[in-house]
Amino acid sequence: MAAELAARPRTVFEERLYEAGLGELLALVNETSDDVGDLLVLGGNPGVHALADALTGEAEGDLPARMNRSGFPTASIAVLTCTGPWKAVEHGAATLVAFWAPR
């Protein structure tokens, strides 16, 4: 994947992600500096699935149903978009634009 990027993005290893629940994950998103344009959160379940589900206010097609039906297994990817500052991200503030789960 790195070969596809123009430059290596800044990487932060956040220990608070380990076994974090929805509230803790949302707080971490809200702490993100506004100079960060794109944020990739890699973590485990059930927290990451809960975060993606909670942030989804709108979605393309049947993506929410597919995401929830899959159970969000290991290696799943949910892509959400939102506008405004990170500190304003809250339940229903994002649009789910892509979802992929291994079979």
N, C-alpha and C. Protein backbone atom coordinates (compact mmCIF):
# COMPACT_ATOMS: atom_id res chain seq x y z
N MET A 1 0.82 -1.18 0.00
CA MET A 1 0.00 0.00 0.00
C MET A 1 0.87 1.25 0.00
N ALA A 2 2.02 1.22 0.68
CA ALA A 2 2.88 2.39 0.77
C ALA A 2 3.31 2.89 -0.60
N ALA A 3 3.48 1.99 -1.56
CA ALA A 3 3.90 2.39 -2.90
C ALA A 3 2.85 3.27 -3.58
N GLU A 4 1.61 3.18 -3.16
CA GLU A 4 0.53 3.97 -3.76
C GLU A 4 0.45 5.38 -3.19
N LEU A 5 1.13 5.65 -2.08
CA LEU A 5 1.06 6.95 -1.42
C LEU A 5 2.17 7.86 -1.91
N ALA A 6 1.86 9.15 -2.01
CA ALA A 6 2.86 10.13 -2.45
C ALA A 6 3.98 10.26 -1.41
N ALA A 7 3.63 10.17 -0.16
CA ALA A 7 4.61 10.27 0.92
C ALA A 7 4.14 9.39 2.08
N ARG A 8 5.07 8.95 2.88
CA ARG A 8 4.71 8.14 4.05
C ARG A 8 3.96 9.02 5.04
N PRO A 9 2.76 8.61 5.43
CA PRO A 9 2.01 9.40 6.40
C PRO A 9 2.61 9.27 7.81
N ARG A 10 2.35 10.26 8.63
CA ARG A 10 2.78 10.20 10.03
C ARG A 10 2.02 9.06 10.70
N THR A 11 2.72 8.24 11.44
CA THR A 11 2.12 7.10 12.13
C THR A 11 2.21 7.31 13.63
N VAL A 12 1.10 7.12 14.31
CA VAL A 12 1.05 7.22 15.76
C VAL A 12 0.53 5.90 16.30
N PHE A 13 1.29 5.29 17.19
CA PHE A 13 0.85 4.06 17.84
C PHE A 13 0.22 4.45 19.17
N GLU A 14 -1.07 4.30 19.25
CA GLU A 14 -1.84 4.76 20.41
C GLU A 14 -2.26 3.56 21.24
N GLU A 15 -1.64 3.41 22.40
CA GLU A 15 -1.93 2.26 23.26
C GLU A 15 -3.37 2.25 23.77
N ARG A 16 -4.00 3.42 23.82
CA ARG A 16 -5.38 3.48 24.31
C ARG A 16 -6.36 2.79 23.37
N LEU A 17 -5.94 2.46 22.14
CA LEU A 17 -6.81 1.75 21.21
C LEU A 17 -7.04 0.31 21.63
N TYR A 18 -6.08 -0.26 22.34
CA TYR A 18 -6.16 -1.67 22.72
C TYR A 18 -7.37 -1.90 23.62
N GLU A 19 -8.28 -2.73 23.16
CA GLU A 19 -9.51 -3.06 23.87
C GLU A 19 -10.39 -1.85 24.19
N ALA A 20 -10.25 -0.77 23.42
CA ALA A 20 -11.06 0.44 23.65
C ALA A 20 -12.50 0.21 23.21
N GLY A 21 -13.41 0.79 23.96
CA GLY A 21 -14.82 0.75 23.60
C GLY A 21 -15.19 1.97 22.78
N LEU A 22 -16.45 2.06 22.45
CA LEU A 22 -16.95 3.14 21.61
C LEU A 22 -16.60 4.52 22.16
N GLY A 23 -16.86 4.76 23.43
CA GLY A 23 -16.60 6.07 24.01
C GLY A 23 -15.14 6.46 23.96
N GLU A 24 -14.27 5.52 24.25
CA GLU A 24 -12.83 5.79 24.22
C GLU A 24 -12.35 6.05 22.80
N LEU A 25 -12.86 5.28 21.84
CA LEU A 25 -12.45 5.49 20.44
C LEU A 25 -12.93 6.84 19.92
N LEU A 26 -14.16 7.20 20.25
CA LEU A 26 -14.68 8.50 19.81
C LEU A 26 -13.88 9.63 20.44
N ALA A 27 -13.50 9.48 21.71
CA ALA A 27 -12.67 10.49 22.36
C ALA A 27 -11.32 10.64 21.66
N LEU A 28 -10.73 9.53 21.24
CA LEU A 28 -9.46 9.59 20.51
C LEU A 28 -9.62 10.30 19.17
N VAL A 29 -10.70 10.02 18.46
CA VAL A 29 -10.97 10.73 17.21
C VAL A 29 -11.11 12.22 17.49
N ASN A 30 -11.83 12.57 18.52
CA ASN A 30 -12.05 13.98 18.87
C ASN A 30 -10.76 14.70 19.27
N GLU A 31 -9.76 13.96 19.74
CA GLU A 31 -8.47 14.54 20.12
C GLU A 31 -7.56 14.81 18.93
N THR A 32 -7.93 14.33 17.76
CA THR A 32 -7.08 14.46 16.57
C THR A 32 -6.94 15.92 16.19
N SER A 33 -5.73 16.32 15.87
CA SER A 33 -5.44 17.70 15.46
C SER A 33 -6.12 18.00 14.13
N ASP A 34 -6.59 19.22 13.99
CA ASP A 34 -7.27 19.60 12.76
C ASP A 34 -6.34 19.72 11.55
N ASP A 35 -5.02 19.64 11.76
CA ASP A 35 -4.12 19.61 10.61
C ASP A 35 -4.04 18.23 9.99
N VAL A 36 -4.71 17.24 10.60
CA VAL A 36 -4.80 15.89 10.05
C VAL A 36 -6.01 15.85 9.12
N GLY A 37 -5.78 15.55 7.85
CA GLY A 37 -6.88 15.50 6.89
C GLY A 37 -7.56 14.15 6.82
N ASP A 38 -6.78 13.09 6.89
CA ASP A 38 -7.30 11.72 6.81
C ASP A 38 -6.81 10.96 8.03
N LEU A 39 -7.69 10.17 8.62
CA LEU A 39 -7.36 9.42 9.83
C LEU A 39 -7.67 7.95 9.60
N LEU A 40 -6.69 7.10 9.86
CA LEU A 40 -6.87 5.65 9.77
C LEU A 40 -6.80 5.10 11.18
N VAL A 41 -7.87 4.46 11.62
CA VAL A 41 -7.91 3.85 12.95
C VAL A 41 -7.85 2.35 12.77
N LEU A 42 -6.80 1.74 13.28
CA LEU A 42 -6.67 0.29 13.25
C LEU A 42 -6.84 -0.21 14.67
N GLY A 43 -7.82 -1.05 14.87
CA GLY A 43 -8.08 -1.54 16.21
C GLY A 43 -8.89 -2.81 16.15
N GLY A 44 -9.33 -3.25 17.29
CA GLY A 44 -10.07 -4.50 17.37
C GLY A 44 -11.53 -4.31 17.69
N ASN A 45 -12.21 -5.42 17.68
CA ASN A 45 -13.63 -5.41 18.00
C ASN A 45 -13.85 -5.81 19.44
N PRO A 46 -14.97 -5.43 19.98
CA PRO A 46 -16.13 -4.87 19.30
C PRO A 46 -16.07 -3.35 19.09
N GLY A 47 -15.01 -2.69 19.58
CA GLY A 47 -14.94 -1.24 19.54
C GLY A 47 -14.94 -0.61 18.16
N VAL A 48 -14.13 -1.13 17.25
CA VAL A 48 -14.04 -0.51 15.92
C VAL A 48 -15.35 -0.64 15.16
N HIS A 49 -15.99 -1.79 15.26
CA HIS A 49 -17.30 -1.96 14.62
C HIS A 49 -18.31 -0.99 15.23
N ALA A 50 -18.31 -0.87 16.54
CA ALA A 50 -19.23 0.05 17.21
C ALA A 50 -18.98 1.49 16.78
N LEU A 51 -17.72 1.87 16.62
CA LEU A 51 -17.39 3.23 16.19
C LEU A 51 -17.90 3.48 14.78
N ALA A 52 -17.62 2.57 13.86
CA ALA A 52 -18.08 2.74 12.48
C ALA A 52 -19.60 2.81 12.42
N ASP A 53 -20.26 1.96 13.16
CA ASP A 53 -21.72 1.95 13.18
C ASP A 53 -22.28 3.23 13.78
N ALA A 54 -21.69 3.69 14.88
CA ALA A 54 -22.19 4.89 15.56
C ALA A 54 -21.98 6.15 14.73
N LEU A 55 -20.85 6.24 14.04
CA LEU A 55 -20.57 7.45 13.27
C LEU A 55 -21.39 7.53 11.99
N THR A 56 -21.85 6.39 11.49
CA THR A 56 -22.59 6.37 10.23
C THR A 56 -23.96 7.02 10.39
N GLY A 57 -24.12 8.16 9.73
CA GLY A 57 -25.42 8.83 9.70
C GLY A 57 -26.08 8.63 8.36
N GLU A 58 -25.27 8.66 7.33
CA GLU A 58 -25.73 8.41 5.96
C GLU A 58 -24.82 7.34 5.37
N ALA A 59 -25.27 6.75 4.27
CA ALA A 59 -24.45 5.71 3.65
C ALA A 59 -24.86 5.53 2.20
N GLU A 60 -23.93 4.99 1.45
CA GLU A 60 -24.20 4.65 0.07
C GLU A 60 -24.79 3.26 0.00
N GLY A 61 -25.91 3.12 -0.69
CA GLY A 61 -26.53 1.82 -0.91
C GLY A 61 -26.82 1.05 0.36
N ASP A 62 -26.50 -0.24 0.33
CA ASP A 62 -26.79 -1.12 1.46
C ASP A 62 -25.58 -1.34 2.36
N LEU A 63 -24.63 -0.41 2.36
CA LEU A 63 -23.40 -0.59 3.13
C LEU A 63 -23.63 -0.83 4.63
N PRO A 64 -24.51 -0.08 5.30
CA PRO A 64 -24.71 -0.36 6.73
C PRO A 64 -25.21 -1.78 6.99
N ALA A 65 -26.13 -2.24 6.18
CA ALA A 65 -26.66 -3.60 6.34
C ALA A 65 -25.55 -4.62 6.11
N ARG A 66 -24.74 -4.41 5.07
CA ARG A 66 -23.62 -5.33 4.80
C ARG A 66 -22.62 -5.33 5.94
N MET A 67 -22.31 -4.13 6.47
CA MET A 67 -21.35 -4.03 7.56
C MET A 67 -21.86 -4.77 8.80
N ASN A 68 -23.11 -4.59 9.13
CA ASN A 68 -23.65 -5.21 10.33
C ASN A 68 -23.91 -6.70 10.14
N ARG A 69 -24.32 -7.09 8.94
CA ARG A 69 -24.55 -8.51 8.65
C ARG A 69 -23.25 -9.30 8.72
N SER A 70 -22.14 -8.67 8.32
CA SER A 70 -20.86 -9.37 8.30
C SER A 70 -20.32 -9.65 9.69
N GLY A 71 -20.74 -8.86 10.67
CA GLY A 71 -20.18 -8.98 12.01
C GLY A 71 -18.84 -8.29 12.15
N PHE A 72 -18.39 -7.62 11.08
CA PHE A 72 -17.12 -6.87 11.07
C PHE A 72 -15.96 -7.77 11.50
N PRO A 73 -15.70 -8.83 10.72
CA PRO A 73 -14.62 -9.75 11.09
C PRO A 73 -13.23 -9.11 10.97
N THR A 74 -12.24 -9.80 11.51
CA THR A 74 -10.85 -9.34 11.43
C THR A 74 -10.51 -8.98 9.99
N ALA A 75 -9.81 -7.87 9.80
CA ALA A 75 -9.36 -7.34 8.52
C ALA A 75 -10.45 -6.60 7.75
N SER A 76 -11.59 -6.36 8.36
CA SER A 76 -12.64 -5.56 7.70
C SER A 76 -12.20 -4.11 7.61
N ILE A 77 -12.74 -3.43 6.61
CA ILE A 77 -12.42 -2.01 6.39
C ILE A 77 -13.72 -1.25 6.16
N ALA A 78 -13.91 -0.20 6.95
CA ALA A 78 -15.03 0.72 6.74
C ALA A 78 -14.44 2.09 6.44
N VAL A 79 -14.89 2.72 5.36
CA VAL A 79 -14.42 4.04 4.99
C VAL A 79 -15.55 5.03 5.21
N LEU A 80 -15.29 6.00 6.08
CA LEU A 80 -16.29 7.02 6.40
C LEU A 80 -15.73 8.39 6.05
N THR A 81 -16.60 9.29 5.65
CA THR A 81 -16.20 10.67 5.41
C THR A 81 -17.00 11.58 6.32
N CYS A 82 -16.39 12.69 6.70
CA CYS A 82 -17.10 13.68 7.51
C CYS A 82 -16.46 15.04 7.25
N THR A 83 -17.18 16.07 7.61
CA THR A 83 -16.69 17.43 7.43
C THR A 83 -16.59 18.11 8.79
N GLY A 84 -15.82 19.17 8.84
CA GLY A 84 -15.68 19.91 10.08
C GLY A 84 -14.50 19.41 10.89
N PRO A 85 -14.29 20.01 12.06
CA PRO A 85 -13.15 19.63 12.90
C PRO A 85 -13.36 18.27 13.55
N TRP A 86 -12.25 17.61 13.87
CA TRP A 86 -12.31 16.29 14.50
C TRP A 86 -13.04 16.35 15.84
N LYS A 87 -12.88 17.44 16.55
CA LYS A 87 -13.52 17.53 17.87
C LYS A 87 -15.04 17.57 17.77
N ALA A 88 -15.57 17.83 16.57
CA ALA A 88 -17.03 17.87 16.37
C ALA A 88 -17.60 16.55 15.88
N VAL A 89 -16.74 15.56 15.63
CA VAL A 89 -17.24 14.27 15.15
C VAL A 89 -18.03 13.61 16.28
N GLU A 90 -19.25 13.20 15.94
CA GLU A 90 -20.15 12.60 16.93
C GLU A 90 -21.02 11.56 16.25
N HIS A 91 -21.86 10.92 17.01
CA HIS A 91 -22.77 9.90 16.48
C HIS A 91 -23.53 10.47 15.28
N GLY A 92 -23.54 9.72 14.18
CA GLY A 92 -24.29 10.09 12.98
C GLY A 92 -23.67 11.18 12.14
N ALA A 93 -22.43 11.58 12.43
CA ALA A 93 -21.81 12.71 11.73
C ALA A 93 -21.10 12.33 10.43
N ALA A 94 -21.02 11.05 10.11
CA ALA A 94 -20.23 10.62 8.95
C ALA A 94 -21.09 9.88 7.94
N THR A 95 -20.52 9.75 6.76
CA THR A 95 -21.15 8.98 5.69
C THR A 95 -20.29 7.75 5.42
N LEU A 96 -20.90 6.59 5.47
CA LEU A 96 -20.21 5.35 5.15
C LEU A 96 -20.17 5.23 3.63
N VAL A 97 -18.96 5.31 3.05
CA VAL A 97 -18.84 5.31 1.59
C VAL A 97 -18.29 4.00 1.04
N ALA A 98 -17.71 3.16 1.90
CA ALA A 98 -17.20 1.86 1.45
C ALA A 98 -17.09 0.92 2.63
N PHE A 99 -17.28 -0.36 2.36
CA PHE A 99 -17.08 -1.39 3.37
C PHE A 99 -16.60 -2.64 2.67
N TRP A 100 -15.61 -3.30 3.29
CA TRP A 100 -15.09 -4.55 2.76
C TRP A 100 -14.81 -5.48 3.92
N ALA A 101 -15.16 -6.73 3.77
CA ALA A 101 -14.86 -7.77 4.75
C ALA A 101 -14.37 -9.01 4.02
N PRO A 102 -13.39 -9.71 4.60
CA PRO A 102 -12.93 -10.95 3.96
C PRO A 102 -14.01 -12.01 4.02
N ARG A 103 -13.95 -12.94 3.10
CA ARG A 103 -14.95 -14.02 3.07
C ARG A 103 -14.41 -15.27 3.64
